[in-house]
Amino acid sequence: IDWNVTARMGHPFIKKYREERELTVMLAVDISGSQQFGSIRMLKRDLAAEIAAVLAFSAIQNNDRVGLLLFTDHPEHAIPPRKGSGHVLRVIRDVLYKQPEGCGTDIGQALHYLNRIHHRRTITFLISDFLDTGYEPILRAYAKRHDLVAIQVTDPREHALEAVGVIAVQDPETGARMEIDTSDRATRDAYRQRQQQQREQTATFLKASGIDHLSVTTDPDSDYIHELIRLFRRREARR
């Protein structure tokens, strides 16, 4: 009951409120140098684009607005949230073809940018390989203000090395080069353990921070659609 209006009109005036169901979905996609890697069927960036497309089309089917932020070691390119299939096609095109200026990764800078321009709560899908450090405090703070979902994109060769002899490798973000003797079992085991530990540390941090987390891989036998469905069902069950 609006008592001020009731007093003026001389009879009860009741306001009915309808919950605003329209959501703002932000896709924060890492396009750094490490995302240009792929050992089997596609680059990690290509997989990130596929996932972004699925999420974007799902959003507009729900009549939600979709926006995009592409980032490396700084925010590179942003598209404000809008509706419509034409808008979504532009989002997908930019995820696939926008040429980055930087090579490194700074997740913290990306989230700081989004936090500054979005004052109302959003659903943010952070799609990255999470090959970064020092982002944890701002990630945790961002998740308290926005609904944050972390999607980690990896490649099978980042999990384990094949025994193919001495190979030359280059860090796509720093340019550092080195040779690795993959025929040495101890070297392969150390690499596998280090990579597994890094992924587990990321997953543990995200879980402890209350952030939904999904890990996907460019492996052709993986089914990220099924994993996305499971993630959304878990989120729905918590409501």
Protein backbone atom coordinates (compact mmCIF):
# COMPACT_ATOMS: atom_id res chain seq x y z
CA ILE A 1 0.00 0.00 0.00
CA ASP A 2 1.30 3.43 -1.00
CA TRP A 3 0.14 5.46 2.00
CA ASN A 4 0.87 8.87 0.48
CA VAL A 5 -1.26 8.18 -2.60
CA THR A 6 -3.93 6.55 -0.42
CA ALA A 7 -4.19 9.71 1.69
CA ARG A 8 -4.58 11.91 -1.41
CA MET A 9 -7.12 9.67 -3.15
CA GLY A 10 -9.15 8.76 -0.08
CA HIS A 11 -9.08 5.01 -0.77
CA PRO A 12 -6.38 2.30 -0.60
CA PHE A 13 -3.85 2.45 -3.44
CA ILE A 14 -1.88 -0.77 -3.89
CA LYS A 15 1.30 -1.05 -5.94
CA LYS A 16 2.11 -4.38 -7.55
CA TYR A 17 5.78 -5.11 -8.24
CA ARG A 18 6.98 -7.50 -10.90
CA GLU A 19 10.44 -8.99 -10.58
CA GLU A 20 12.72 -7.99 -13.43
CA ARG A 21 13.68 -11.23 -15.17
CA GLU A 22 15.81 -9.73 -17.92
CA LEU A 23 19.44 -10.53 -17.21
CA THR A 24 22.70 -9.10 -18.46
CA VAL A 25 25.14 -11.77 -19.58
CA MET A 26 28.79 -10.78 -20.02
CA LEU A 27 31.28 -12.98 -21.85
CA ALA A 28 34.84 -12.21 -20.75
CA VAL A 29 37.07 -14.12 -23.17
CA ASP A 30 40.84 -14.48 -22.91
CA ILE A 31 42.53 -14.01 -26.32
CA SER A 32 46.12 -13.94 -25.04
CA GLY A 33 49.02 -15.74 -26.69
CA SER A 34 48.47 -18.98 -24.81
CA GLN A 35 44.94 -19.21 -26.22
CA GLN A 36 46.43 -19.55 -29.72
CA PHE A 37 47.63 -23.06 -28.86
CA GLY A 38 46.06 -26.31 -30.02
CA SER A 39 47.62 -29.71 -30.53
CA ILE A 40 44.75 -31.81 -31.91
CA ARG A 41 41.68 -30.41 -33.68
CA MET A 42 41.39 -26.75 -32.73
CA LEU A 43 42.99 -23.86 -30.92
CA LYS A 44 41.92 -23.06 -27.39
CA ARG A 45 40.61 -19.75 -28.72
CA ASP A 46 38.39 -21.62 -31.20
CA LEU A 47 36.91 -23.69 -28.39
CA ALA A 48 36.39 -20.52 -26.34
CA ALA A 49 34.51 -19.04 -29.31
CA GLU A 50 32.29 -22.13 -29.59
CA ILE A 51 31.41 -21.94 -25.91
CA ALA A 52 30.79 -18.19 -26.14
CA ALA A 53 28.44 -18.82 -29.08
CA VAL A 54 26.45 -21.44 -27.16
CA LEU A 55 26.13 -19.14 -24.15
CA ALA A 56 25.21 -16.10 -26.25
CA PHE A 57 22.47 -17.85 -28.23
CA SER A 58 21.10 -19.38 -25.02
CA ALA A 59 20.94 -15.91 -23.49
CA ILE A 60 18.98 -14.31 -26.32
CA GLN A 61 16.54 -17.24 -26.30
CA ASN A 62 15.82 -16.23 -22.71
CA ASN A 63 15.40 -12.60 -23.83
CA ASP A 64 18.58 -11.60 -21.99
CA ARG A 65 21.16 -9.08 -23.12
CA VAL A 66 24.66 -10.24 -24.08
CA GLY A 67 27.91 -8.28 -23.94
CA LEU A 68 31.53 -9.13 -24.67
CA LEU A 69 34.96 -8.29 -23.33
CA LEU A 70 38.08 -9.61 -25.05
CA PHE A 71 41.24 -9.28 -22.98
CA THR A 72 44.94 -10.10 -22.90
CA ASP A 73 47.18 -8.30 -20.41
CA HIS A 74 44.65 -5.46 -20.68
CA PRO A 75 41.04 -5.05 -21.83
CA GLU A 76 41.27 -5.13 -25.65
CA HIS A 77 37.76 -4.89 -27.04
CA ALA A 78 34.29 -4.51 -25.54
CA ILE A 79 30.77 -4.75 -26.95
CA PRO A 80 27.96 -3.37 -24.76
CA PRO A 81 25.16 -5.79 -23.82
CA ARG A 82 22.34 -5.95 -26.35
CA LYS A 83 19.75 -8.37 -27.68
CA GLY A 84 19.19 -9.94 -31.08
CA SER A 85 20.72 -12.63 -33.28
CA GLY A 86 22.59 -10.06 -35.37
CA HIS A 87 24.25 -8.75 -32.23
CA VAL A 88 25.22 -12.28 -31.18
CA LEU A 89 26.76 -12.96 -34.60
CA ARG A 90 28.92 -9.86 -34.16
CA VAL A 91 30.00 -11.12 -30.73
CA ILE A 92 30.99 -14.51 -32.17
CA ARG A 93 32.82 -12.93 -35.12
CA ASP A 94 34.89 -10.74 -32.81
CA VAL A 95 35.77 -13.64 -30.51
CA LEU A 96 37.03 -15.59 -33.51
CA TYR A 97 38.82 -12.92 -35.52
CA LYS A 98 39.73 -9.91 -33.38
CA GLN A 99 43.51 -9.57 -33.50
CA PRO A 100 44.98 -8.97 -30.03
CA GLU A 101 47.49 -6.23 -29.34
CA GLY A 102 48.96 -7.88 -26.26
CA CYS A 103 50.31 -11.37 -25.66
CA GLY A 104 50.12 -11.76 -21.88
CA THR A 105 47.20 -12.46 -19.56
CA ASP A 106 45.80 -10.24 -16.81
CA ILE A 107 42.50 -11.55 -15.51
CA GLY A 108 42.50 -8.97 -12.73
CA GLN A 109 42.56 -6.06 -15.19
CA ALA A 110 39.66 -7.56 -17.14
CA LEU A 111 37.48 -7.98 -14.06
CA HIS A 112 38.40 -4.53 -12.76
CA TYR A 113 37.22 -3.07 -16.08
CA LEU A 114 33.93 -4.98 -15.97
CA ASN A 115 33.34 -4.03 -12.35
CA ARG A 116 33.83 -0.37 -13.24
CA ILE A 117 31.38 -0.26 -16.14
CA HIS A 118 28.65 -2.55 -14.77
CA HIS A 119 27.01 -1.16 -11.67
CA ARG A 120 24.14 -3.63 -11.73
CA ARG A 121 24.59 -7.34 -11.17
CA THR A 122 25.50 -9.41 -14.23
CA ILE A 123 26.11 -13.05 -15.01
CA THR A 124 29.72 -13.12 -16.15
CA PHE A 125 31.26 -16.10 -17.91
CA LEU A 126 35.04 -15.87 -17.63
CA ILE A 127 36.52 -18.06 -20.38
CA SER A 128 40.29 -18.47 -20.02
CA ASP A 129 43.07 -21.00 -19.56
CA PHE A 130 43.83 -19.23 -16.26
CA LEU A 131 47.57 -19.19 -16.97
CA ASP A 132 47.94 -16.11 -14.82
CA THR A 133 48.89 -15.19 -11.26
CA GLY A 134 47.78 -12.61 -8.74
CA TYR A 135 44.16 -12.42 -9.92
CA GLU A 136 42.66 -14.19 -6.91
CA PRO A 137 41.73 -11.17 -4.72
CA ILE A 138 39.85 -9.28 -7.44
CA LEU A 139 38.22 -12.50 -8.68
CA ARG A 140 36.87 -13.16 -5.21
CA ALA A 141 35.68 -9.55 -4.84
CA TYR A 142 34.05 -9.57 -8.29
CA ALA A 143 32.15 -12.76 -7.45
CA LYS A 144 30.59 -11.07 -4.42
CA ARG A 145 29.05 -8.40 -6.63
CA HIS A 146 28.29 -10.42 -9.77
CA ASP A 147 27.31 -13.99 -10.60
CA LEU A 148 30.62 -15.32 -11.90
CA VAL A 149 31.14 -18.60 -13.76
CA ALA A 150 34.72 -19.65 -14.58
CA ILE A 151 35.29 -21.81 -17.66
CA GLN A 152 38.85 -23.09 -17.95
CA VAL A 153 39.99 -24.04 -21.47
CA THR A 154 42.90 -26.46 -21.79
CA ASP A 155 44.60 -28.67 -24.38
CA PRO A 156 45.65 -32.32 -23.89
CA ARG A 157 49.32 -31.46 -24.47
CA GLU A 158 49.08 -29.10 -21.51
CA HIS A 159 48.14 -32.09 -19.37
CA ALA A 160 50.89 -34.47 -20.48
CA LEU A 161 53.75 -34.74 -22.97
CA GLU A 162 54.16 -37.53 -25.49
CA ALA A 163 57.52 -39.28 -25.76
CA VAL A 164 58.70 -37.88 -29.11
CA GLY A 165 62.30 -36.99 -28.29
CA VAL A 166 63.79 -33.52 -27.96
CA ILE A 167 61.38 -30.74 -28.85
CA ALA A 168 61.79 -26.96 -28.96
CA VAL A 169 59.02 -25.02 -27.24
CA GLN A 170 58.26 -21.32 -26.96
CA ASP A 171 56.12 -19.48 -24.43
CA PRO A 172 53.54 -17.66 -26.61
CA GLU A 173 53.15 -14.89 -24.04
CA THR A 174 56.77 -14.15 -23.10
CA GLY A 175 58.62 -15.47 -26.15
CA ALA A 176 60.97 -17.54 -23.95
CA ARG A 177 62.37 -20.63 -25.70
CA MET A 178 63.70 -23.91 -24.36
CA GLU A 179 64.27 -27.52 -25.36
CA ILE A 180 62.61 -30.45 -23.60
CA ASP A 181 63.68 -34.09 -23.84
CA THR A 182 60.30 -35.79 -23.87
CA SER A 183 61.91 -39.23 -24.11
CA ASP A 184 62.95 -38.82 -20.45
CA ARG A 185 60.22 -40.32 -18.23
CA ALA A 186 61.19 -38.18 -15.23
CA THR A 187 60.76 -35.03 -17.33
CA ARG A 188 57.34 -36.14 -18.55
CA ASP A 189 56.23 -37.09 -15.03
CA ALA A 190 57.41 -33.77 -13.58
CA TYR A 191 55.58 -31.86 -16.32
CA ARG A 192 52.36 -33.82 -15.82
CA GLN A 193 52.45 -33.38 -12.04
CA ARG A 194 53.15 -29.65 -12.28
CA GLN A 195 50.30 -29.11 -14.74
CA GLN A 196 47.90 -31.19 -12.67
CA GLN A 197 48.84 -29.32 -9.52
CA GLN A 198 48.19 -25.98 -11.22
CA ARG A 199 44.73 -27.06 -12.42
CA GLU A 200 43.86 -28.45 -8.99
CA GLN A 201 44.96 -25.24 -7.27
CA THR A 202 42.76 -23.20 -9.61
CA ALA A 203 39.76 -25.48 -9.03
CA THR A 204 40.27 -25.45 -5.26
CA PHE A 205 40.46 -21.66 -5.14
CA LEU A 206 37.33 -21.23 -7.25
CA LYS A 207 35.36 -23.71 -5.17
CA ALA A 208 36.47 -22.10 -1.90
CA SER A 209 35.38 -18.72 -3.30
CA GLY A 210 31.91 -20.02 -4.18
CA ILE A 211 32.51 -19.63 -7.92
CA ASP A 212 31.04 -22.17 -10.33
CA HIS A 213 33.83 -23.75 -12.33
CA LEU A 214 33.95 -25.86 -15.48
CA SER A 215 37.05 -27.29 -17.15
CA VAL A 216 36.90 -28.07 -20.88
CA THR A 217 39.49 -29.36 -23.32
CA THR A 218 40.13 -29.30 -27.06
CA ASP A 219 40.25 -33.11 -26.98
CA PRO A 220 37.78 -34.28 -29.70
CA ASP A 221 36.43 -36.97 -27.35
CA SER A 222 35.31 -34.39 -24.79
CA ASP A 223 31.70 -33.15 -24.68
CA TYR A 224 31.56 -29.61 -23.35
CA ILE A 225 27.86 -29.27 -24.19
CA HIS A 226 27.04 -32.09 -21.77
CA GLU A 227 29.24 -30.47 -19.13
CA LEU A 228 27.54 -27.09 -19.63
CA ILE A 229 24.12 -28.69 -19.21
CA ARG A 230 25.24 -30.36 -15.99
CA LEU A 231 26.58 -27.03 -14.73
CA PHE A 232 23.31 -25.20 -15.42
CA ARG A 233 21.30 -27.97 -13.79
CA ARG A 234 23.40 -27.70 -10.64
CA ARG A 235 22.89 -23.95 -10.61
CA GLU A 236 19.15 -24.34 -11.11
CA ALA A 237 18.93 -26.88 -8.27
CA ARG A 238 20.45 -24.34 -5.86
CA ARG A 239 17.77 -21.72 -6.52
